[in-house]
């Protein structure tokens, strides 16, 4: 099997590459404290999406975190994380992770209004930029004082 990620020829080789790389990293710690830390896999490319079934078999992974921007770029939609094909891919992957009884995570960025939708699909680990809370709170406050 190739050890260079870019030259992995098949999905099974790619999945094996991810698995082996992850396990090699964990083995470096031996019986160390990795068992007390969160092991998070960043799923940020179409290759990682293709490898997801194999990654879901690795018990040492605590969460699968989806990077929409990088995924969009790897799918040929640079800067368009809201593209319907990207969104569909992310939604399907969240469902697959949840159906496997695992933790799916994602930064919802400016999509606060659809967090409930992602949660219905199985998203459990949700990050939102602090700026989004500040902007929304500021707008509500300004609207309130202008209306009085």
C-alpha atoms as a PDB file:
ATOM      1  CA  UNK A   1       0.000   0.000   0.000  1.00  0.00           C
ATOM      2  CA  UNK A   2       1.175   3.518  -0.767  1.00  0.00           C
ATOM      3  CA  UNK A   3       2.114   5.590   2.246  1.00  0.00           C
ATOM      4  CA  UNK A   4       1.544   8.874   0.474  1.00  0.00           C
ATOM      5  CA  UNK A   5      -2.042  10.061   0.925  1.00  0.00           C
ATOM      6  CA  UNK A   6      -2.105  11.834  -2.426  1.00  0.00           C
ATOM      7  CA  UNK A   7      -1.143   8.680  -4.309  1.00  0.00           C
ATOM      8  CA  UNK A   8      -3.604   6.308  -2.625  1.00  0.00           C
ATOM      9  CA  UNK A   9      -5.404   4.720  -5.556  1.00  0.00           C
ATOM     10  CA  UNK A  10      -8.558   3.271  -4.049  1.00  0.00           C
ATOM     11  CA  UNK A  11     -11.019   4.064  -1.295  1.00  0.00           C
ATOM     12  CA  UNK A  12      -9.922   1.020   0.671  1.00  0.00           C
ATOM     13  CA  UNK A  13      -6.278   2.111   0.407  1.00  0.00           C
ATOM     14  CA  UNK A  14      -7.238   5.594   1.522  1.00  0.00           C
ATOM     15  CA  UNK A  15      -9.261   4.265   4.441  1.00  0.00           C
ATOM     16  CA  UNK A  16      -6.352   2.040   5.417  1.00  0.00           C
ATOM     17  CA  UNK A  17      -4.001   5.026   5.200  1.00  0.00           C
ATOM     18  CA  UNK A  18      -6.212   7.075   7.557  1.00  0.00           C
ATOM     19  CA  UNK A  19      -6.644   4.132   9.922  1.00  0.00           C
ATOM     20  CA  UNK A  20      -2.934   3.323   9.989  1.00  0.00           C
ATOM     21  CA  UNK A  21      -1.926   6.958  10.442  1.00  0.00           C
ATOM     22  CA  UNK A  22      -4.361   7.397  13.309  1.00  0.00           C
ATOM     23  CA  UNK A  23      -3.380   4.172  15.014  1.00  0.00           C
ATOM     24  CA  UNK A  24       0.330   4.943  14.569  1.00  0.00           C
ATOM     25  CA  UNK A  25      -0.248   8.274  16.281  1.00  0.00           C
ATOM     26  CA  UNK A  26      -2.068   6.603  19.148  1.00  0.00           C
ATOM     27  CA  UNK A  27       0.614   3.949  19.506  1.00  0.00           C
ATOM     28  CA  UNK A  28       3.239   6.661  20.025  1.00  0.00           C
ATOM     29  CA  UNK A  29       1.537   7.373  23.308  1.00  0.00           C
ATOM     30  CA  UNK A  30       1.458   3.679  24.198  1.00  0.00           C
ATOM     31  CA  UNK A  31      -0.607   3.356  27.350  1.00  0.00           C
ATOM     32  CA  UNK A  32      -0.255   7.076  27.898  1.00  0.00           C
ATOM     33  CA  UNK A  33      -2.882   9.699  28.406  1.00  0.00           C
ATOM     34  CA  UNK A  34      -4.510   9.544  24.953  1.00  0.00           C
ATOM     35  CA  UNK A  35      -7.216   7.453  26.591  1.00  0.00           C
ATOM     36  CA  UNK A  36      -8.088  10.483  28.703  1.00  0.00           C
ATOM     37  CA  UNK A  37      -8.149  12.928  25.814  1.00  0.00           C
ATOM     38  CA  UNK A  38     -10.655  13.459  23.062  1.00  0.00           C
ATOM     39  CA  UNK A  39      -9.553  11.979  19.757  1.00  0.00           C
ATOM     40  CA  UNK A  40     -11.167  13.996  16.996  1.00  0.00           C
ATOM     41  CA  UNK A  41     -10.962  13.213  13.292  1.00  0.00           C
ATOM     42  CA  UNK A  42     -11.295  16.152  10.950  1.00  0.00           C
ATOM     43  CA  UNK A  43     -13.384  15.117   7.946  1.00  0.00           C
ATOM     44  CA  UNK A  44     -12.551  17.850   5.467  1.00  0.00           C
ATOM     45  CA  UNK A  45     -12.175  16.271   2.040  1.00  0.00           C
ATOM     46  CA  UNK A  46     -14.090  14.090  -0.359  1.00  0.00           C
ATOM     47  CA  UNK A  47     -11.449  11.434   0.298  1.00  0.00           C
ATOM     48  CA  UNK A  48     -12.178  11.565   4.020  1.00  0.00           C
ATOM     49  CA  UNK A  49     -15.906  11.271   3.283  1.00  0.00           C
ATOM     50  CA  UNK A  50     -15.155   8.188   1.158  1.00  0.00           C
ATOM     51  CA  UNK A  51     -13.086   6.748   4.024  1.00  0.00           C
ATOM     52  CA  UNK A  52     -15.795   7.422   6.620  1.00  0.00           C
ATOM     53  CA  UNK A  53     -17.112   3.824   6.775  1.00  0.00           C
ATOM     54  CA  UNK A  54     -13.631   2.592   7.706  1.00  0.00           C
ATOM     55  CA  UNK A  55     -13.015   5.479  10.101  1.00  0.00           C
ATOM     56  CA  UNK A  56     -16.265   4.691  11.905  1.00  0.00           C
ATOM     57  CA  UNK A  57     -14.848   1.274  12.779  1.00  0.00           C
ATOM     58  CA  UNK A  58     -12.011   2.770  14.833  1.00  0.00           C
ATOM     59  CA  UNK A  59     -13.130   2.686  18.460  1.00  0.00           C
ATOM     60  CA  UNK A  60     -10.410   5.115  19.590  1.00  0.00           C
ATOM     61  CA  UNK A  61     -12.060   7.994  17.695  1.00  0.00           C
ATOM     62  CA  UNK A  62     -14.364  10.010  19.925  1.00  0.00           C
ATOM     63  CA  UNK A  63     -15.806  12.418  17.365  1.00  0.00           C
ATOM     64  CA  UNK A  64     -15.934  13.084  13.649  1.00  0.00           C
ATOM     65  CA  UNK A  65     -15.738  16.802  12.938  1.00  0.00           C
ATOM     66  CA  UNK A  66     -16.824  18.091   9.538  1.00  0.00           C
ATOM     67  CA  UNK A  67     -15.004  21.017   7.934  1.00  0.00           C
ATOM     68  CA  UNK A  68     -17.435  22.412   5.404  1.00  0.00           C
ATOM     69  CA  UNK A  69     -15.090  24.952   3.807  1.00  0.00           C
ATOM     70  CA  UNK A  70     -12.274  22.522   3.099  1.00  0.00           C
ATOM     71  CA  UNK A  71     -14.748  19.869   2.001  1.00  0.00           C
ATOM     72  CA  UNK A  72     -16.316  22.325  -0.435  1.00  0.00           C
ATOM     73  CA  UNK A  73     -12.915  23.125  -1.884  1.00  0.00           C
ATOM     74  CA  UNK A  74     -12.028  19.433  -2.293  1.00  0.00           C
ATOM     75  CA  UNK A  75     -15.340  18.949  -4.117  1.00  0.00           C
ATOM     76  CA  UNK A  76     -14.549  21.766  -6.551  1.00  0.00           C
ATOM     77  CA  UNK A  77     -16.695  24.424  -4.848  1.00  0.00           C
ATOM     78  CA  UNK A  78     -14.033  26.653  -3.297  1.00  0.00           C
ATOM     79  CA  UNK A  79     -15.620  29.240  -1.038  1.00  0.00           C
ATOM     80  CA  UNK A  80     -19.103  27.746  -1.461  1.00  0.00           C
ATOM     81  CA  UNK A  81     -19.730  25.611   1.631  1.00  0.00           C
ATOM     82  CA  UNK A  82     -23.472  26.211   1.209  1.00  0.00           C
ATOM     83  CA  UNK A  83     -23.499  24.598  -2.244  1.00  0.00           C
ATOM     84  CA  UNK A  84     -26.341  22.025  -2.336  1.00  0.00           C
ATOM     85  CA  UNK A  85     -23.906  19.203  -3.198  1.00  0.00           C
ATOM     86  CA  UNK A  86     -21.646  20.089  -0.274  1.00  0.00           C
ATOM     87  CA  UNK A  87     -24.582  20.477   2.095  1.00  0.00           C
ATOM     88  CA  UNK A  88     -26.031  17.133   0.977  1.00  0.00           C
ATOM     89  CA  UNK A  89     -22.668  15.430   1.493  1.00  0.00           C
ATOM     90  CA  UNK A  90     -22.324  16.889   4.994  1.00  0.00           C
ATOM     91  CA  UNK A  91     -25.892  15.986   5.926  1.00  0.00           C
ATOM     92  CA  UNK A  92     -25.447  12.411   4.714  1.00  0.00           C
ATOM     93  CA  UNK A  93     -22.161  12.070   6.599  1.00  0.00           C
ATOM     94  CA  UNK A  94     -23.699  13.410   9.819  1.00  0.00           C
ATOM     95  CA  UNK A  95     -26.468  10.811   9.488  1.00  0.00           C
ATOM     96  CA  UNK A  96     -23.955   8.014   8.900  1.00  0.00           C
ATOM     97  CA  UNK A  97     -21.945   8.984  11.967  1.00  0.00           C
ATOM     98  CA  UNK A  98     -25.079   9.236  14.112  1.00  0.00           C
ATOM     99  CA  UNK A  99     -26.444   5.938  12.758  1.00  0.00           C
ATOM    100  CA  UNK A 100     -23.168   4.305  13.806  1.00  0.00           C
ATOM    101  CA  UNK A 101     -23.776   5.583  17.345  1.00  0.00           C
ATOM    102  CA  UNK A 102     -20.844   7.995  17.155  1.00  0.00           C
ATOM    103  CA  UNK A 103     -20.446  11.747  17.716  1.00  0.00           C
ATOM    104  CA  UNK A 104     -20.677  14.102  14.728  1.00  0.00           C
ATOM    105  CA  UNK A 105     -19.442  17.665  15.127  1.00  0.00           C
ATOM    106  CA  UNK A 106     -19.268  20.811  13.058  1.00  0.00           C
ATOM    107  CA  UNK A 107     -18.838  24.560  13.239  1.00  0.00           C
ATOM    108  CA  UNK A 108     -22.144  25.963  12.030  1.00  0.00           C
ATOM    109  CA  UNK A 109     -20.525  29.356  11.391  1.00  0.00           C
ATOM    110  CA  UNK A 110     -23.285  31.765  10.368  1.00  0.00           C
ATOM    111  CA  UNK A 111     -25.938  29.076   9.977  1.00  0.00           C
ATOM    112  CA  UNK A 112     -27.348  29.389  13.486  1.00  0.00           C
ATOM    113  CA  UNK A 113     -30.898  29.245  12.133  1.00  0.00           C
ATOM    114  CA  UNK A 114     -30.490  25.679  10.871  1.00  0.00           C
ATOM    115  CA  UNK A 115     -28.747  24.169  13.908  1.00  0.00           C
ATOM    116  CA  UNK A 116     -31.964  22.332  14.814  1.00  0.00           C
ATOM    117  CA  UNK A 117     -31.970  20.741  11.359  1.00  0.00           C
ATOM    118  CA  UNK A 118     -28.402  19.487  11.806  1.00  0.00           C
ATOM    119  CA  UNK A 119     -29.274  18.245  15.288  1.00  0.00           C
ATOM    120  CA  UNK A 120     -32.216  16.314  13.853  1.00  0.00           C
ATOM    121  CA  UNK A 121     -29.737  14.620  11.508  1.00  0.00           C
ATOM    122  CA  UNK A 122     -27.588  13.619  14.481  1.00  0.00           C
ATOM    123  CA  UNK A 123     -25.116  16.476  14.997  1.00  0.00           C
ATOM    124  CA  UNK A 124     -24.040  16.443  18.653  1.00  0.00           C
ATOM    125  CA  UNK A 125     -20.926  18.624  18.847  1.00  0.00           C
ATOM    126  CA  UNK A 126     -21.846  22.132  17.740  1.00  0.00           C
ATOM    127  CA  UNK A 127     -19.513  25.104  17.538  1.00  0.00           C
ATOM    128  CA  UNK A 128     -20.623  28.619  16.714  1.00  0.00           C
ATOM    129  CA  UNK A 129     -18.292  31.571  16.329  1.00  0.00           C
ATOM    130  CA  UNK A 130     -18.564  34.050  19.175  1.00  0.00           C
ATOM    131  CA  UNK A 131     -18.994  36.807  16.597  1.00  0.00           C
ATOM    132  CA  UNK A 132     -22.369  35.339  15.571  1.00  0.00           C
ATOM    133  CA  UNK A 133     -23.693  35.608  19.118  1.00  0.00           C
ATOM    134  CA  UNK A 134     -22.376  39.155  19.451  1.00  0.00           C
ATOM    135  CA  UNK A 135     -23.818  40.306  16.108  1.00  0.00           C
ATOM    136  CA  UNK A 136     -27.235  38.804  16.795  1.00  0.00           C
ATOM    137  CA  UNK A 137     -27.349  40.146  20.336  1.00  0.00           C
ATOM    138  CA  UNK A 138     -26.260  43.593  19.188  1.00  0.00           C
ATOM    139  CA  UNK A 139     -28.892  43.703  16.450  1.00  0.00           C
ATOM    140  CA  UNK A 140     -31.639  42.657  18.879  1.00  0.00           C
ATOM    141  CA  UNK A 141     -30.478  45.262  21.384  1.00  0.00           C
ATOM    142  CA  UNK A 142     -30.358  48.055  18.782  1.00  0.00           C
ATOM    143  CA  UNK A 143     -33.769  47.090  17.461  1.00  0.00           C
ATOM    144  CA  UNK A 144     -35.152  47.160  20.997  1.00  0.00           C
ATOM    145  CA  UNK A 145     -33.801  50.620  21.824  1.00  0.00           C
ATOM    146  CA  UNK A 146     -34.820  52.111  18.483  1.00  0.00           C
ATOM    147  CA  UNK A 147     -38.335  50.785  18.920  1.00  0.00           C
ATOM    148  CA  UNK A 148     -38.831  52.370  22.350  1.00  0.00           C
END
